[in-house]
PDB file of N, CA and C in Angstrom:
ATOM      1  N   UNK A   1     254.197 -91.953 -32.312  1.00  0.00           N
ATOM      2  CA  UNK A   1     253.522 -91.931 -33.603  1.00  0.00           C
ATOM      3  C   UNK A   1     252.025 -91.748 -33.361  1.00  0.00           C
ATOM      4  N   UNK A   2     251.449 -90.821 -34.047  1.00  0.00           N
ATOM      5  CA  UNK A   2     250.014 -90.611 -33.933  1.00  0.00           C
ATOM      6  C   UNK A   2     249.301 -91.340 -35.052  1.00  0.00           C
ATOM      7  N   UNK A   3     247.971 -91.444 -34.935  1.00  0.00           N
ATOM      8  CA  UNK A   3     247.212 -92.112 -35.976  1.00  0.00           C
ATOM      9  C   UNK A   3     247.371 -91.429 -37.323  1.00  0.00           C
ATOM     10  N   UNK A   4     247.586 -90.111 -37.320  1.00  0.00           N
ATOM     11  CA  UNK A   4     247.755 -89.404 -38.588  1.00  0.00           C
ATOM     12  C   UNK A   4     249.082 -89.781 -39.250  1.00  0.00           C
ATOM     13  N   UNK A   5     250.027 -90.324 -38.472  1.00  0.00           N
ATOM     14  CA  UNK A   5     251.300 -90.771 -39.022  1.00  0.00           C
ATOM     15  C   UNK A   5     251.244 -92.223 -39.487  1.00  0.00           C
ATOM     16  N   UNK A   6     250.124 -92.871 -39.255  1.00  0.00           N
ATOM     17  CA  UNK A   6     249.993 -94.284 -39.577  1.00  0.00           C
ATOM     18  C   UNK A   6     250.278 -94.535 -41.052  1.00  0.00           C
ATOM     19  N   UNK A   7     251.133 -95.500 -41.303  1.00  0.00           N
ATOM     20  CA  UNK A   7     251.437 -95.854 -42.682  1.00  0.00           C
ATOM     21  C   UNK A   7     251.069 -97.309 -42.948  1.00  0.00           C
ATOM     22  N   UNK A   8     250.166 -97.851 -42.131  1.00  0.00           N
ATOM     23  CA  UNK A   8     249.650 -99.199 -42.328  1.00  0.00           C
ATOM     24  C   UNK A   8     248.159 -99.173 -42.054  1.00  0.00           C
ATOM     25  N   UNK A   9     247.397 -99.771 -42.948  1.00  0.00           N
ATOM     26  CA  UNK A   9     245.979 -99.955 -42.676  1.00  0.00           C
ATOM     27  C   UNK A   9     245.670-101.446 -42.757  1.00  0.00           C
ATOM     28  N   UNK A  10     244.797-101.873 -41.878  1.00  0.00           N
ATOM     29  CA  UNK A  10     244.330-103.256 -41.868  1.00  0.00           C
ATOM     30  C   UNK A  10     242.814-103.189 -41.910  1.00  0.00           C
ATOM     31  N   UNK A  11     242.252-103.663 -43.008  1.00  0.00           N
ATOM     32  CA  UNK A  11     240.812-103.591 -43.206  1.00  0.00           C
ATOM     33  C   UNK A  11     240.222-104.993 -43.217  1.00  0.00           C
ATOM     34  N   UNK A  12     239.405-105.300 -42.209  1.00  0.00           N
ATOM     35  CA  UNK A  12     238.768-106.612 -42.203  1.00  0.00           C
ATOM     36  C   UNK A  12     237.564-106.631 -43.131  1.00  0.00           C
ATOM     37  N   UNK A  13     237.339-107.777 -43.753  1.00  0.00           N
ATOM     38  CA  UNK A  13     236.114-107.948 -44.525  1.00  0.00           C
ATOM     39  C   UNK A  13     235.691-109.404 -44.467  1.00  0.00           C
ATOM     40  N   UNK A  14     234.400-109.572 -44.393  1.00  0.00           N
ATOM     41  CA  UNK A  14     233.834-110.902 -44.329  1.00  0.00           C
ATOM     42  C   UNK A  14     233.346-111.270 -45.725  1.00  0.00           C
ATOM     43  N   UNK A  15     233.774-112.417 -46.211  1.00  0.00           N
ATOM     44  CA  UNK A  15     233.322-112.876 -47.509  1.00  0.00           C
ATOM     45  C   UNK A  15     232.014-113.641 -47.325  1.00  0.00           C
ATOM     46  N   UNK A  16     231.125-113.620 -48.300  1.00  0.00           N
ATOM     47  CA  UNK A  16     229.796-114.211 -48.153  1.00  0.00           C
ATOM     48  C   UNK A  16     229.795-115.666 -47.695  1.00  0.00           C
ATOM     49  N   UNK A  17     230.633-116.485 -48.282  1.00  0.00           N
ATOM     50  CA  UNK A  17     230.594-117.896 -47.906  1.00  0.00           C
ATOM     51  C   UNK A  17     231.994-118.456 -47.769  1.00  0.00           C
ATOM     52  N   UNK A  18     232.865-117.662 -47.204  1.00  0.00           N
ATOM     53  CA  UNK A  18     234.235-118.124 -47.121  1.00  0.00           C
ATOM     54  C   UNK A  18     235.004-117.515 -45.982  1.00  0.00           C
ATOM     55  N   UNK A  19     236.293-117.371 -46.180  1.00  0.00           N
ATOM     56  CA  UNK A  19     237.165-116.928 -45.100  1.00  0.00           C
ATOM     57  C   UNK A  19     237.006-115.448 -44.734  1.00  0.00           C
ATOM     58  N   UNK A  20     237.496-115.135 -43.569  1.00  0.00           N
ATOM     59  CA  UNK A  20     237.593-113.768 -43.063  1.00  0.00           C
ATOM     60  C   UNK A  20     238.894-113.205 -43.639  1.00  0.00           C
ATOM     61  N   UNK A  21     238.832-112.033 -44.241  1.00  0.00           N
ATOM     62  CA  UNK A  21     239.993-111.461 -44.915  1.00  0.00           C
ATOM     63  C   UNK A  21     240.455-110.204 -44.183  1.00  0.00           C
ATOM     64  N   UNK A  22     241.759-110.097 -44.001  1.00  0.00           N
ATOM     65  CA  UNK A  22     242.370-108.873 -43.503  1.00  0.00           C
ATOM     66  C   UNK A  22     243.230-108.311 -44.627  1.00  0.00           C
ATOM     67  N   UNK A  23     242.802-107.178 -45.189  1.00  0.00           N
ATOM     68  CA  UNK A  23     243.572-106.498 -46.229  1.00  0.00           C
ATOM     69  C   UNK A  23     244.613-105.614 -45.547  1.00  0.00           C
ATOM     70  N   UNK A  24     245.877-105.900 -45.801  1.00  0.00           N
ATOM     71  CA  UNK A  24     246.982-105.188 -45.157  1.00  0.00           C
ATOM     72  C   UNK A  24     247.659-104.313 -46.212  1.00  0.00           C
ATOM     73  N   UNK A  25     247.696-102.993 -45.957  1.00  0.00           N
ATOM     74  CA  UNK A  25     248.250-102.043 -46.920  1.00  0.00           C
ATOM     75  C   UNK A  25     249.232-101.122 -46.206  1.00  0.00           C
ATOM     76  N   UNK A  26     250.425-101.013 -46.773  1.00  0.00           N
ATOM     77  CA  UNK A  26     251.416-100.094 -46.222  1.00  0.00           C
ATOM     78  C   UNK A  26     252.638-100.809 -45.686  1.00  0.00           C
ATOM     79  N   UNK A  27     253.272-100.201 -44.695  1.00  0.00           N
ATOM     80  CA  UNK A  27     254.511-100.711 -44.123  1.00  0.00           C
ATOM     81  C   UNK A  27     254.241-101.355 -42.771  1.00  0.00           C
ATOM     82  N   UNK A  28     254.651-102.609 -42.653  1.00  0.00           N
ATOM     83  CA  UNK A  28     254.480-103.380 -41.415  1.00  0.00           C
ATOM     84  C   UNK A  28     255.825-103.424 -40.705  1.00  0.00           C
ATOM     85  N   UNK A  29     255.949-102.604 -39.664  1.00  0.00           N
ATOM     86  CA  UNK A  29     257.209-102.537 -38.932  1.00  0.00           C
ATOM     87  C   UNK A  29     256.932-102.345 -37.446  1.00  0.00           C
ATOM     88  N   UNK A  30     257.970-102.055 -36.676  1.00  0.00           N
ATOM     89  CA  UNK A  30     257.793-101.956 -35.223  1.00  0.00           C
ATOM     90  C   UNK A  30     256.868-100.818 -34.801  1.00  0.00           C
ATOM     91  N   UNK A  31     256.663 -99.830 -35.674  1.00  0.00           N
ATOM     92  CA  UNK A  31     255.746 -98.732 -35.362  1.00  0.00           C
ATOM     93  C   UNK A  31     254.293 -99.087 -35.652  1.00  0.00           C
ATOM     94  N   UNK A  32     254.069 -99.987 -36.603  1.00  0.00           N
ATOM     95  CA  UNK A  32     252.701-100.251 -37.071  1.00  0.00           C
ATOM     96  C   UNK A  32     252.211-101.670 -36.801  1.00  0.00           C
ATOM     97  N   UNK A  33     253.079-102.545 -36.347  1.00  0.00           N
ATOM     98  CA  UNK A  33     252.721-103.958 -36.181  1.00  0.00           C
ATOM     99  C   UNK A  33     251.521-104.156 -35.256  1.00  0.00           C
ATOM    100  N   UNK A  34     251.337-103.259 -34.301  1.00  0.00           N
ATOM    101  CA  UNK A  34     250.221-103.424 -33.366  1.00  0.00           C
ATOM    102  C   UNK A  34     248.868-103.352 -34.069  1.00  0.00           C
ATOM    103  N   UNK A  35     248.788-102.636 -35.198  1.00  0.00           N
ATOM    104  CA  UNK A  35     247.520-102.575 -35.933  1.00  0.00           C
ATOM    105  C   UNK A  35     247.136-103.962 -36.468  1.00  0.00           C
ATOM    106  N   UNK A  36     248.113-104.655 -37.059  1.00  0.00           N
ATOM    107  CA  UNK A  36     247.830-106.000 -37.560  1.00  0.00           C
ATOM    108  C   UNK A  36     247.647-106.979 -36.413  1.00  0.00           C
ATOM    109  N   UNK A  37     248.428-106.828 -35.379  1.00  0.00           N
ATOM    110  CA  UNK A  37     248.307-107.713 -34.218  1.00  0.00           C
ATOM    111  C   UNK A  37     246.904-107.639 -33.614  1.00  0.00           C
ATOM    112  N   UNK A  38     246.376-106.426 -33.468  1.00  0.00           N
ATOM    113  CA  UNK A  38     245.016-106.254 -32.930  1.00  0.00           C
ATOM    114  C   UNK A  38     243.980-106.883 -33.857  1.00  0.00           C
ATOM    115  N   UNK A  39     244.143-106.704 -35.155  1.00  0.00           N
ATOM    116  CA  UNK A  39     243.199-107.268 -36.118  1.00  0.00           C
ATOM    117  C   UNK A  39     243.234-108.795 -36.092  1.00  0.00           C
ATOM    118  N   UNK A  40     244.430-109.362 -35.962  1.00  0.00           N
ATOM    119  CA  UNK A  40     244.561-110.822 -35.869  1.00  0.00           C
ATOM    120  C   UNK A  40     243.892-111.322 -34.601  1.00  0.00           C
ATOM    121  N   UNK A  41     244.075-110.613 -33.501  1.00  0.00           N
ATOM    122  CA  UNK A  41     243.452-111.020 -32.234  1.00  0.00           C
ATOM    123  C   UNK A  41     241.932-111.000 -32.313  1.00  0.00           C
ATOM    124  N   UNK A  42     241.378-110.106 -33.127  1.00  0.00           N
ATOM    125  CA  UNK A  42     239.926-109.991 -33.258  1.00  0.00           C
ATOM    126  C   UNK A  42     239.350-110.902 -34.348  1.00  0.00           C
ATOM    127  N   UNK A  43     240.215-111.484 -35.170  1.00  0.00           N
ATOM    128  CA  UNK A  43     239.751-112.318 -36.286  1.00  0.00           C
ATOM    129  C   UNK A  43     239.126-113.617 -35.767  1.00  0.00           C
ATOM    130  N   UNK A  44     238.028-114.037 -36.399  1.00  0.00           N
ATOM    131  CA  UNK A  44     237.374-115.284 -35.991  1.00  0.00           C
ATOM    132  C   UNK A  44     238.050-116.486 -36.658  1.00  0.00           C
ATOM    133  N   UNK A  45     239.010-117.054 -35.988  1.00  0.00           N
ATOM    134  CA  UNK A  45     239.668-118.236 -36.540  1.00  0.00           C
ATOM    135  C   UNK A  45     238.707-119.405 -36.383  1.00  0.00           C
ATOM    136  N   UNK A  46     237.965-119.682 -37.483  1.00  0.00           N
ATOM    137  CA  UNK A  46     236.964-120.741 -37.468  1.00  0.00           C
ATOM    138  C   UNK A  46     237.201-121.669 -38.654  1.00  0.00           C
ATOM    139  N   UNK A  47     236.205-122.488 -38.989  1.00  0.00           N
ATOM    140  CA  UNK A  47     236.362-123.459 -40.076  1.00  0.00           C
ATOM    141  C   UNK A  47     236.635-122.806 -41.429  1.00  0.00           C
ATOM    142  N   UNK A  48     236.144-121.578 -41.616  1.00  0.00           N
ATOM    143  CA  UNK A  48     236.340-120.889 -42.891  1.00  0.00           C
ATOM    144  C   UNK A  48     237.755-120.333 -43.032  1.00  0.00           C
ATOM    145  N   UNK A  49     238.432-120.118 -41.927  1.00  0.00           N
ATOM    146  CA  UNK A  49     239.806-119.645 -41.948  1.00  0.00           C
ATOM    147  C   UNK A  49     239.942-118.148 -42.126  1.00  0.00           C
ATOM    148  N   UNK A  50     241.182-117.733 -42.188  1.00  0.00           N
ATOM    149  CA  UNK A  50     241.541-116.323 -42.299  1.00  0.00           C
ATOM    150  C   UNK A  50     242.554-116.175 -43.430  1.00  0.00           C
ATOM    151  N   UNK A  51     242.354-115.140 -44.238  1.00  0.00           N
ATOM    152  CA  UNK A  51     243.319-114.789 -45.272  1.00  0.00           C
ATOM    153  C   UNK A  51     243.919-113.436 -44.924  1.00  0.00           C
ATOM    154  N   UNK A  52     245.237-113.385 -44.883  1.00  0.00           N
ATOM    155  CA  UNK A  52     245.932-112.108 -44.762  1.00  0.00           C
ATOM    156  C   UNK A  52     246.325-111.715 -46.176  1.00  0.00           C
ATOM    157  N   UNK A  53     245.634-110.711 -46.723  1.00  0.00           N
ATOM    158  CA  UNK A  53     245.918-110.242 -48.073  1.00  0.00           C
ATOM    159  C   UNK A  53     247.037-109.212 -47.977  1.00  0.00           C
ATOM    160  N   UNK A  54     248.228-109.633 -48.353  1.00  0.00           N
ATOM    161  CA  UNK A  54     249.418-108.794 -48.236  1.00  0.00           C
ATOM    162  C   UNK A  54     249.805-108.150 -49.560  1.00  0.00           C
ATOM    163  N   UNK A  55     248.896-108.163 -50.538  1.00  0.00           N
ATOM    164  CA  UNK A  55     249.219-107.608 -51.850  1.00  0.00           C
ATOM    165  C   UNK A  55     249.489-106.104 -51.786  1.00  0.00           C
ATOM    166  N   UNK A  56     249.004-105.410 -50.769  1.00  0.00           N
ATOM    167  CA  UNK A  56     249.257-103.987 -50.608  1.00  0.00           C
ATOM    168  C   UNK A  56     250.383-103.673 -49.643  1.00  0.00           C
ATOM    169  N   UNK A  57     251.047-104.722 -49.147  1.00  0.00           N
ATOM    170  CA  UNK A  57     252.141-104.531 -48.193  1.00  0.00           C
ATOM    171  C   UNK A  57     253.391-104.090 -48.941  1.00  0.00           C
ATOM    172  N   UNK A  58     253.968-102.963 -48.525  1.00  0.00           N
ATOM    173  CA  UNK A  58     255.138-102.434 -49.217  1.00  0.00           C
ATOM    174  C   UNK A  58     256.442-102.712 -48.474  1.00  0.00           C
ATOM    175  N   UNK A  59     256.348-103.060 -47.182  1.00  0.00           N
ATOM    176  CA  UNK A  59     257.549-103.293 -46.381  1.00  0.00           C
ATOM    177  C   UNK A  59     257.163-104.143 -45.183  1.00  0.00           C
ATOM    178  N   UNK A  60     258.051-105.045 -44.793  1.00  0.00           N
ATOM    179  CA  UNK A  60     257.816-105.858 -43.600  1.00  0.00           C
ATOM    180  C   UNK A  60     259.149-106.133 -42.925  1.00  0.00           C
ATOM    181  N   UNK A  61     259.281-105.716 -41.663  1.00  0.00           N
ATOM    182  CA  UNK A  61     260.507-105.995 -40.924  1.00  0.00           C
ATOM    183  C   UNK A  61     260.293-107.205 -40.009  1.00  0.00           C
ATOM    184  N   UNK A  62     261.257-107.479 -39.151  1.00  0.00           N
ATOM    185  CA  UNK A  62     261.182-108.661 -38.292  1.00  0.00           C
ATOM    186  C   UNK A  62     259.999-108.601 -37.325  1.00  0.00           C
ATOM    187  N   UNK A  63     259.601-107.415 -36.916  1.00  0.00           N
ATOM    188  CA  UNK A  63     258.434-107.284 -36.051  1.00  0.00           C
ATOM    189  C   UNK A  63     257.183-107.735 -36.788  1.00  0.00           C
ATOM    190  N   UNK A  64     257.082-107.366 -38.044  1.00  0.00           N
ATOM    191  CA  UNK A  64     255.960-107.797 -38.863  1.00  0.00           C
ATOM    192  C   UNK A  64     255.938-109.297 -39.050  1.00  0.00           C
ATOM    193  N   UNK A  65     257.118-109.886 -39.274  1.00  0.00           N
ATOM    194  CA  UNK A  65     257.196-111.342 -39.408  1.00  0.00           C
ATOM    195  C   UNK A  65     256.740-112.014 -38.118  1.00  0.00           C
ATOM    196  N   UNK A  66     257.082-111.431 -36.979  1.00  0.00           N
ATOM    197  CA  UNK A  66     256.640-111.978 -35.699  1.00  0.00           C
ATOM    198  C   UNK A  66     255.119-111.973 -35.600  1.00  0.00           C
ATOM    199  N   UNK A  67     254.473-110.923 -36.092  1.00  0.00           N
ATOM    200  CA  UNK A  67     253.007-110.874 -36.081  1.00  0.00           C
ATOM    201  C   UNK A  67     252.439-111.974 -36.979  1.00  0.00           C
ATOM    202  N   UNK A  68     253.070-112.201 -38.130  1.00  0.00           N
ATOM    203  CA  UNK A  68     252.617-113.269 -39.023  1.00  0.00           C
ATOM    204  C   UNK A  68     252.753-114.641 -38.354  1.00  0.00           C
ATOM    205  N   UNK A  69     253.858-114.846 -37.638  1.00  0.00           N
ATOM    206  CA  UNK A  69     254.059-116.111 -36.921  1.00  0.00           C
ATOM    207  C   UNK A  69     253.006-116.266 -35.832  1.00  0.00           C
ATOM    208  N   UNK A  70     252.696-115.189 -35.128  1.00  0.00           N
ATOM    209  CA  UNK A  70     251.660-115.230 -34.098  1.00  0.00           C
ATOM    210  C   UNK A  70     250.309-115.592 -34.702  1.00  0.00           C
ATOM    211  N   UNK A  71     250.000-115.043 -35.873  1.00  0.00           N
ATOM    212  CA  UNK A  71     248.758-115.383 -36.568  1.00  0.00           C
ATOM    213  C   UNK A  71     248.736-116.870 -36.909  1.00  0.00           C
ATOM    214  N   UNK A  72     249.866-117.388 -37.357  1.00  0.00           N
ATOM    215  CA  UNK A  72     249.966-118.818 -37.675  1.00  0.00           C
ATOM    216  C   UNK A  72     249.721-119.662 -36.423  1.00  0.00           C
ATOM    217  N   UNK A  73     250.337-119.270 -35.320  1.00  0.00           N
ATOM    218  CA  UNK A  73     250.162-120.010 -34.068  1.00  0.00           C
ATOM    219  C   UNK A  73     248.707-119.990 -33.615  1.00  0.00           C
ATOM    220  N   UNK A  74     248.054-118.855 -33.774  1.00  0.00           N
ATOM    221  CA  UNK A  74     246.643-118.744 -33.398  1.00  0.00           C
ATOM    222  C   UNK A  74     245.786-119.650 -34.284  1.00  0.00           C
ATOM    223  N   UNK A  75     246.076-119.676 -35.569  1.00  0.00           N
ATOM    224  CA  UNK A  75     245.304-120.519 -36.479  1.00  0.00           C
ATOM    225  C   UNK A  75     245.509-121.998 -36.159  1.00  0.00           C
ATOM    226  N   UNK A  76     246.731-122.371 -35.826  1.00  0.00           N
ATOM    227  CA  UNK A  76     247.017-123.762 -35.484  1.00  0.00           C
ATOM    228  C   UNK A  76     246.290-124.172 -34.207  1.00  0.00           C
ATOM    229  N   UNK A  77     246.304-123.290 -33.214  1.00  0.00           N
ATOM    230  CA  UNK A  77     245.629-123.588 -31.948  1.00  0.00           C
ATOM    231  C   UNK A  77     244.123-123.744 -32.128  1.00  0.00           C
ATOM    232  N   UNK A  78     243.559-122.982 -33.079  1.00  0.00           N
ATOM    233  CA  UNK A  78     242.117-123.029 -33.320  1.00  0.00           C
ATOM    234  C   UNK A  78     241.735-124.090 -34.353  1.00  0.00           C
ATOM    235  N   UNK A  79     242.727-124.689 -34.998  1.00  0.00           N
ATOM    236  CA  UNK A  79     242.446-125.641 -36.067  1.00  0.00           C
ATOM    237  C   UNK A  79     241.813-124.977 -37.277  1.00  0.00           C
ATOM    238  N   UNK A  80     242.196-123.739 -37.512  1.00  0.00           N
ATOM    239  CA  UNK A  80     241.618-122.909 -38.568  1.00  0.00           C
ATOM    240  C   UNK A  80     242.669-122.608 -39.626  1.00  0.00           C
ATOM    241  N   UNK A  81     242.301-122.698 -40.908  1.00  0.00           N
ATOM    242  CA  UNK A  81     243.279-122.392 -41.956  1.00  0.00           C
ATOM    243  C   UNK A  81     243.700-120.919 -41.956  1.00  0.00           C
ATOM    244  N   UNK A  82     244.962-120.688 -42.258  1.00  0.00           N
ATOM    245  CA  UNK A  82     245.485-119.335 -42.451  1.00  0.00           C
ATOM    246  C   UNK A  82     246.227-119.322 -43.776  1.00  0.00           C
ATOM    247  N   UNK A  83     245.914-118.332 -44.609  1.00  0.00           N
ATOM    248  CA  UNK A  83     246.546-118.195 -45.917  1.00  0.00           C
ATOM    249  C   UNK A  83     247.124-116.794 -46.032  1.00  0.00           C
ATOM    250  N   UNK A  84     248.346-116.711 -46.554  1.00  0.00           N
ATOM    251  CA  UNK A  84     248.939-115.421 -46.901  1.00  0.00           C
ATOM    252  C   UNK A  84     248.763-115.247 -48.399  1.00  0.00           C
ATOM    253  N   UNK A  85     248.058-114.212 -48.799  1.00  0.00           N
ATOM    254  CA  UNK A  85     247.782-113.959 -50.215  1.00  0.00           C
ATOM    255  C   UNK A  85     248.559-112.742 -50.686  1.00  0.00           C
ATOM    256  N   UNK A  86     248.978-112.790 -51.942  1.00  0.00           N
ATOM    257  CA  UNK A  86     249.590-111.621 -52.563  1.00  0.00           C
ATOM    258  C   UNK A  86     250.951-111.241 -52.033  1.00  0.00           C
ATOM    259  N   UNK A  87     251.718-112.207 -51.543  1.00  0.00           N
ATOM    260  CA  UNK A  87     253.059-111.903 -51.040  1.00  0.00           C
ATOM    261  C   UNK A  87     253.950-111.577 -52.235  1.00  0.00           C
ATOM    262  N   UNK A  88     254.591-110.409 -52.194  1.00  0.00           N
ATOM    263  CA  UNK A  88     255.428-110.017 -53.335  1.00  0.00           C
ATOM    264  C   UNK A  88     256.747-110.798 -53.321  1.00  0.00           C
ATOM    265  N   UNK A  89     257.446-110.841 -54.447  1.00  0.00           N
ATOM    266  CA  UNK A  89     258.666-111.650 -54.549  1.00  0.00           C
ATOM    267  C   UNK A  89     259.741-111.300 -53.514  1.00  0.00           C
ATOM    268  N   UNK A  90     259.916-110.025 -53.204  1.00  0.00           N
ATOM    269  CA  UNK A  90     260.929-109.642 -52.221  1.00  0.00           C
ATOM    270  C   UNK A  90     260.575-110.171 -50.833  1.00  0.00           C
ATOM    271  N   UNK A  91     259.306-110.049 -50.467  1.00  0.00           N
ATOM    272  CA  UNK A  91     258.876-110.557 -49.163  1.00  0.00           C
ATOM    273  C   UNK A  91     258.957-112.075 -49.123  1.00  0.00           C
ATOM    274  N   UNK A  92     258.609-112.724 -50.234  1.00  0.00           N
ATOM    275  CA  UNK A  92     258.691-114.179 -50.295  1.00  0.00           C
ATOM    276  C   UNK A  92     260.130-114.640 -50.113  1.00  0.00           C
ATOM    277  N   UNK A  93     261.056-113.901 -50.693  1.00  0.00           N
ATOM    278  CA  UNK A  93     262.477-114.247 -50.553  1.00  0.00           C
ATOM    279  C   UNK A  93     262.883-114.218 -49.083  1.00  0.00           C
ATOM    280  N   UNK A  94     262.460-113.208 -48.345  1.00  0.00           N
ATOM    281  CA  UNK A  94     262.771-113.120 -46.917  1.00  0.00           C
ATOM    282  C   UNK A  94     262.152-114.306 -46.176  1.00  0.00           C
ATOM    283  N   UNK A  95     260.895-114.625 -46.487  1.00  0.00           N
ATOM    284  CA  UNK A  95     260.235-115.756 -45.831  1.00  0.00           C
ATOM    285  C   UNK A  95     260.952-117.068 -46.153  1.00  0.00           C
ATOM    286  N   UNK A  96     261.470-117.191 -47.371  1.00  0.00           N
ATOM    287  CA  UNK A  96     262.221-118.390 -47.746  1.00  0.00           C
ATOM    288  C   UNK A  96     263.539-118.480 -46.987  1.00  0.00           C
ATOM    289  N   UNK A  97     264.223-117.355 -46.861  1.00  0.00           N
ATOM    290  CA  UNK A  97     265.518-117.341 -46.174  1.00  0.00           C
ATOM    291  C   UNK A  97     265.373-117.818 -44.733  1.00  0.00           C
ATOM    292  N   UNK A  98     264.292-117.430 -44.066  1.00  0.00           N
ATOM    293  CA  UNK A  98     264.101-117.820 -42.667  1.00  0.00           C
ATOM    294  C   UNK A  98     263.280-119.112 -42.519  1.00  0.00           C
ATOM    295  N   UNK A  99     262.948-119.747 -43.655  1.00  0.00           N
ATOM    296  CA  UNK A  99     262.266-121.030 -43.614  1.00  0.00           C
ATOM    297  C   UNK A  99     260.762-120.976 -43.432  1.00  0.00           C
ATOM    298  N   UNK A 100     260.194-119.786 -43.468  1.00  0.00           N
ATOM    299  CA  UNK A 100     258.749-119.677 -43.235  1.00  0.00           C
ATOM    300  C   UNK A 100     257.922-120.033 -44.463  1.00  0.00           C
ATOM    301  N   UNK A 101     258.574-120.201 -45.611  1.00  0.00           N
ATOM    302  CA  UNK A 101     257.838-120.659 -46.793  1.00  0.00           C
ATOM    303  C   UNK A 101     257.369-122.101 -46.599  1.00  0.00           C
ATOM    304  N   UNK A 102     257.975-122.808 -45.637  1.00  0.00           N
ATOM    305  CA  UNK A 102     257.567-124.172 -45.316  1.00  0.00           C
ATOM    306  C   UNK A 102     256.478-124.204 -44.248  1.00  0.00           C
ATOM    307  N   UNK A 103     256.197-123.070 -43.633  1.00  0.00           N
ATOM    308  CA  UNK A 103     255.237-122.984 -42.529  1.00  0.00           C
ATOM    309  C   UNK A 103     253.887-122.470 -43.007  1.00  0.00           C
ATOM    310  N   UNK A 104     253.905-121.437 -43.820  1.00  0.00           N
ATOM    311  CA  UNK A 104     252.674-120.783 -44.251  1.00  0.00           C
ATOM    312  C   UNK A 104     252.100-121.404 -45.521  1.00  0.00           C
ATOM    313  N   UNK A 105     250.825-121.208 -45.719  1.00  0.00           N
ATOM    314  CA  UNK A 105     250.146-121.539 -46.963  1.00  0.00           C
ATOM    315  C   UNK A 105     250.012-120.234 -47.735  1.00  0.00           C
ATOM    316  N   UNK A 106     250.330-120.260 -49.021  1.00  0.00           N
ATOM    317  CA  UNK A 106     250.327-119.053 -49.832  1.00  0.00           C
ATOM    318  C   UNK A 106     249.327-119.166 -50.963  1.00  0.00           C
ATOM    319  N   UNK A 107     248.792-118.012 -51.353  1.00  0.00           N
ATOM    320  CA  UNK A 107     247.933-117.898 -52.525  1.00  0.00           C
ATOM    321  C   UNK A 107     248.481-116.746 -53.349  1.00  0.00           C
ATOM    322  N   UNK A 108     248.750-117.001 -54.647  1.00  0.00           N
ATOM    323  CA  UNK A 108     249.234-115.898 -55.473  1.00  0.00           C
ATOM    324  C   UNK A 108     248.138-114.863 -55.669  1.00  0.00           C
ATOM    325  N   UNK A 109     248.529-113.632 -55.867  1.00  0.00           N
ATOM    326  CA  UNK A 109     247.556-112.551 -56.035  1.00  0.00           C
ATOM    327  C   UNK A 109     246.875-112.236 -54.719  1.00  0.00           C
ATOM    328  N   UNK A 110     245.942-111.338 -54.771  1.00  0.00           N
ATOM    329  CA  UNK A 110     245.217-110.932 -53.568  1.00  0.00           C
ATOM    330  C   UNK A 110     244.095-111.898 -53.241  1.00  0.00           C
ATOM    331  N   UNK A 111     243.373-111.586 -52.210  1.00  0.00           N
ATOM    332  CA  UNK A 111     242.250-112.410 -51.757  1.00  0.00           C
ATOM    333  C   UNK A 111     240.972-111.855 -52.341  1.00  0.00           C
ATOM    334  N   UNK A 112     240.734-112.079 -53.594  1.00  0.00           N
ATOM    335  CA  UNK A 112     239.575-111.493 -54.270  1.00  0.00           C
ATOM    336  C   UNK A 112     238.344-112.383 -54.128  1.00  0.00           C
ATOM    337  N   UNK A 113     238.171-112.980 -52.957  1.00  0.00           N
ATOM    338  CA  UNK A 113     237.010-113.845 -52.749  1.00  0.00           C
ATOM    339  C   UNK A 113     235.809-113.046 -52.351  1.00  0.00           C
TER     340      UNK A 113
END
C-alpha cells in the first residue's frame, strides 16, 4: 500500500490549555493501523492527557482495537488520562462485546476542545 492509497489520516493538534488530540479519520485496519500507532507513540502522555477523536472513524478491525489498547497501556504507564471521543454506536457495540467499554473513558461527540 502506498501513501496515495492511504484511507486513514491521523492529525495531531494541541489544545491551548488542555489535552493533546489525535483526530482519526477513515478506516483503521491492518493496512493503516501503523499511522495511528506512530501518532500514539509520538503523543505527549502528560497531565493534560490525550484524546483520540474517533468521530471520523468509519471502520475499525481487531488490529485497530489493538492499537487502542496499546494507547491505553501507554497512558496507564505514564499516569496520563486517555479519552476516546466520538465513538459511533457500531464501534461502541464491538467495544462492549469485548469488554473494553469497562477499560476506556469515553466522551460523546468529537473532541471540540
